[in-house]
Amino acid sequence: MLEIIFNIFNTGILIFWMMLLLFPKQQITQKITNYPWVPLAVALGYVYFLLNAEGAMSGDFTSLEGLTLMFQNATPEGVAAGWLHYLAFDFWVGCWMLKDSQQRKLKHGYVILPLGFTFILGPVGILFYTIILGLNNKLKSTPN
């Protein structure tokens, strides 16, 4: 059962990422970005796995050694909780990026790379999006 629940979240999120990347202006995609029901659903899965993980919150969060030991001793439920944590936050950031880019009237082509990196490498996507915003602001402020 654990594997089934995990796979529903892990595979299901791909559908929503594809909507952000390929169908950014569709009504359903706009609903997804306007209300974070997808990350909230993943958060429920996170809570499920967290509640079923033995000692999930026990560990030393203040040192690299403590975190390493915590992950070495993690149960499958604890690992699943950690992964869903990433899925929820990365998708929420992806929704914010899409919505923000549309409000700023950026071409969607400029946002595809940051969205892709956010999906795969979270903070790298945020870095790329920030660089794109900076370049866009620079271009707008440059006299023609």
Protein backbone atom coordinates (compact mmCIF):
# COMPACT_ATOMS: atom_id res chain seq x y z
CA MET A 1 0.00 0.00 0.00
CA LEU A 2 2.88 2.34 0.84
CA GLU A 3 4.33 1.97 -2.65
CA ILE A 4 0.94 2.58 -4.31
CA ILE A 5 0.32 5.81 -2.39
CA PHE A 6 3.85 6.99 -3.09
CA ASN A 7 3.53 6.24 -6.82
CA ILE A 8 0.22 8.11 -7.05
CA PHE A 9 1.88 11.27 -5.78
CA ASN A 10 5.23 10.77 -7.50
CA THR A 11 3.72 10.04 -10.92
CA GLY A 12 0.62 12.21 -10.57
CA ILE A 13 2.63 15.39 -10.07
CA LEU A 14 4.07 14.91 -13.59
CA ILE A 15 0.65 15.61 -15.11
CA PHE A 16 0.46 18.94 -13.33
CA TRP A 17 4.02 19.91 -14.26
CA MET A 18 3.19 19.17 -17.90
CA MET A 19 0.21 21.48 -17.65
CA LEU A 20 2.44 24.30 -16.38
CA LEU A 21 4.99 23.70 -19.12
CA LEU A 22 2.79 22.90 -22.12
CA PHE A 23 -0.60 24.48 -21.42
CA PRO A 24 0.17 27.61 -19.38
CA LYS A 25 -2.87 29.63 -20.47
CA GLN A 26 -5.53 26.92 -20.30
CA GLN A 27 -8.32 27.54 -17.81
CA ILE A 28 -7.49 24.42 -15.75
CA THR A 29 -3.85 25.47 -15.49
CA GLN A 30 -4.92 28.92 -14.36
CA LYS A 31 -7.09 27.33 -11.67
CA ILE A 32 -4.11 25.24 -10.54
CA THR A 33 -1.90 28.31 -10.22
CA ASN A 34 -4.58 30.48 -8.57
CA TYR A 35 -5.30 28.05 -5.78
CA PRO A 36 -2.62 25.67 -4.52
CA TRP A 37 -4.80 22.56 -4.27
CA VAL A 38 -2.16 20.34 -5.88
CA PRO A 39 0.60 21.16 -3.36
CA LEU A 40 -2.00 20.88 -0.60
CA ALA A 41 -2.92 17.39 -1.77
CA VAL A 42 0.76 16.44 -1.81
CA ALA A 43 1.06 17.96 1.67
CA LEU A 44 -1.65 15.54 2.85
CA GLY A 45 0.44 12.67 1.49
CA TYR A 46 3.44 14.14 3.29
CA VAL A 47 1.51 14.18 6.57
CA TYR A 48 0.39 10.57 5.99
CA PHE A 49 3.96 9.35 5.47
CA LEU A 50 5.30 11.48 8.30
CA LEU A 51 2.76 10.08 10.75
CA ASN A 52 3.66 6.54 9.69
CA ALA A 53 7.44 7.03 9.81
CA GLU A 54 9.08 5.82 12.96
CA GLY A 55 11.31 8.52 14.39
CA ALA A 56 10.85 10.77 11.34
CA MET A 57 11.33 13.94 13.31
CA SER A 58 14.09 12.60 15.53
CA GLY A 59 17.50 13.64 14.45
CA ASP A 60 20.00 16.41 14.58
CA PHE A 61 18.98 19.11 12.11
CA THR A 62 21.87 21.34 13.22
CA SER A 63 24.77 19.48 11.66
CA LEU A 64 25.62 17.74 8.41
CA GLU A 65 26.62 14.64 10.36
CA GLY A 66 23.26 14.62 12.17
CA LEU A 67 21.33 14.92 8.92
CA THR A 68 23.43 12.19 7.32
CA LEU A 69 22.67 9.83 10.20
CA MET A 70 18.99 10.72 10.06
CA PHE A 71 18.79 9.83 6.37
CA GLN A 72 20.83 6.65 6.83
CA ASN A 73 18.40 5.49 9.50
CA ALA A 74 15.24 6.62 7.68
CA THR A 75 12.35 4.25 7.14
CA PRO A 76 10.69 4.03 3.69
CA GLU A 77 7.88 6.20 5.10
CA GLY A 78 10.41 8.79 6.21
CA VAL A 79 12.07 8.85 2.79
CA ALA A 80 8.66 9.15 1.12
CA ALA A 81 7.76 12.04 3.43
CA GLY A 82 11.01 13.78 2.52
CA TRP A 83 10.39 13.32 -1.20
CA LEU A 84 6.80 14.57 -1.01
CA HIS A 85 8.13 17.59 0.86
CA TYR A 86 10.20 18.41 -2.23
CA LEU A 87 7.34 17.67 -4.62
CA ALA A 88 4.94 19.99 -2.79
CA PHE A 89 7.31 22.92 -2.47
CA ASP A 90 8.84 22.67 -5.93
CA PHE A 91 5.41 22.52 -7.55
CA TRP A 92 4.18 25.46 -5.47
CA VAL A 93 7.21 27.45 -6.64
CA GLY A 94 6.51 26.39 -10.24
CA CYS A 95 2.93 27.64 -9.93
CA TRP A 96 4.17 30.92 -8.49
CA MET A 97 6.69 31.32 -11.33
CA LEU A 98 4.06 30.74 -14.00
CA LYS A 99 1.58 33.12 -12.38
CA ASP A 100 4.25 35.76 -11.76
CA SER A 101 5.58 35.51 -15.32
CA GLN A 102 2.07 35.92 -16.72
CA GLN A 103 1.44 38.97 -14.55
CA ARG A 104 4.73 40.44 -15.78
CA LYS A 105 3.74 39.53 -19.36
CA LEU A 106 6.90 37.49 -19.95
CA LYS A 107 6.85 35.20 -22.96
CA HIS A 108 6.26 31.64 -21.82
CA GLY A 109 9.33 30.48 -23.72
CA TYR A 110 11.48 32.39 -21.22
CA VAL A 111 9.91 30.51 -18.32
CA ILE A 112 10.20 26.95 -19.64
CA LEU A 113 13.85 26.52 -18.63
CA PRO A 114 13.34 27.83 -15.07
CA LEU A 115 10.21 25.67 -14.69
CA GLY A 116 12.07 22.60 -15.91
CA PHE A 117 14.94 23.23 -13.54
CA THR A 118 12.55 23.88 -10.65
CA PHE A 119 10.94 20.52 -11.37
CA ILE A 120 14.28 18.70 -11.36
CA LEU A 121 16.61 20.84 -9.23
CA GLY A 122 14.32 23.20 -7.26
CA PRO A 123 16.55 26.12 -6.27
CA VAL A 124 18.40 26.13 -9.62
CA GLY A 125 15.08 26.94 -11.30
CA ILE A 126 14.51 29.80 -8.88
CA LEU A 127 18.01 31.08 -9.68
CA PHE A 128 17.33 30.96 -13.44
CA TYR A 129 13.96 32.64 -13.04
CA THR A 130 15.53 35.43 -10.98
CA ILE A 131 18.21 35.93 -13.65
CA ILE A 132 15.53 36.09 -16.36
CA LEU A 133 13.59 38.68 -14.34
CA GLY A 134 16.75 40.73 -13.92
CA LEU A 135 17.54 40.58 -17.63
CA ASN A 136 13.95 41.45 -18.50
CA ASN A 137 14.05 44.48 -16.16
CA LYS A 138 17.37 45.55 -17.63
CA LEU A 139 15.99 45.34 -21.18
CA LYS A 140 12.90 47.34 -20.20
CA SER A 141 14.98 50.09 -18.62
CA THR A 142 17.38 50.37 -21.56
CA PRO A 143 16.43 53.27 -23.86
CA ASN A 144 15.67 52.30 -27.46
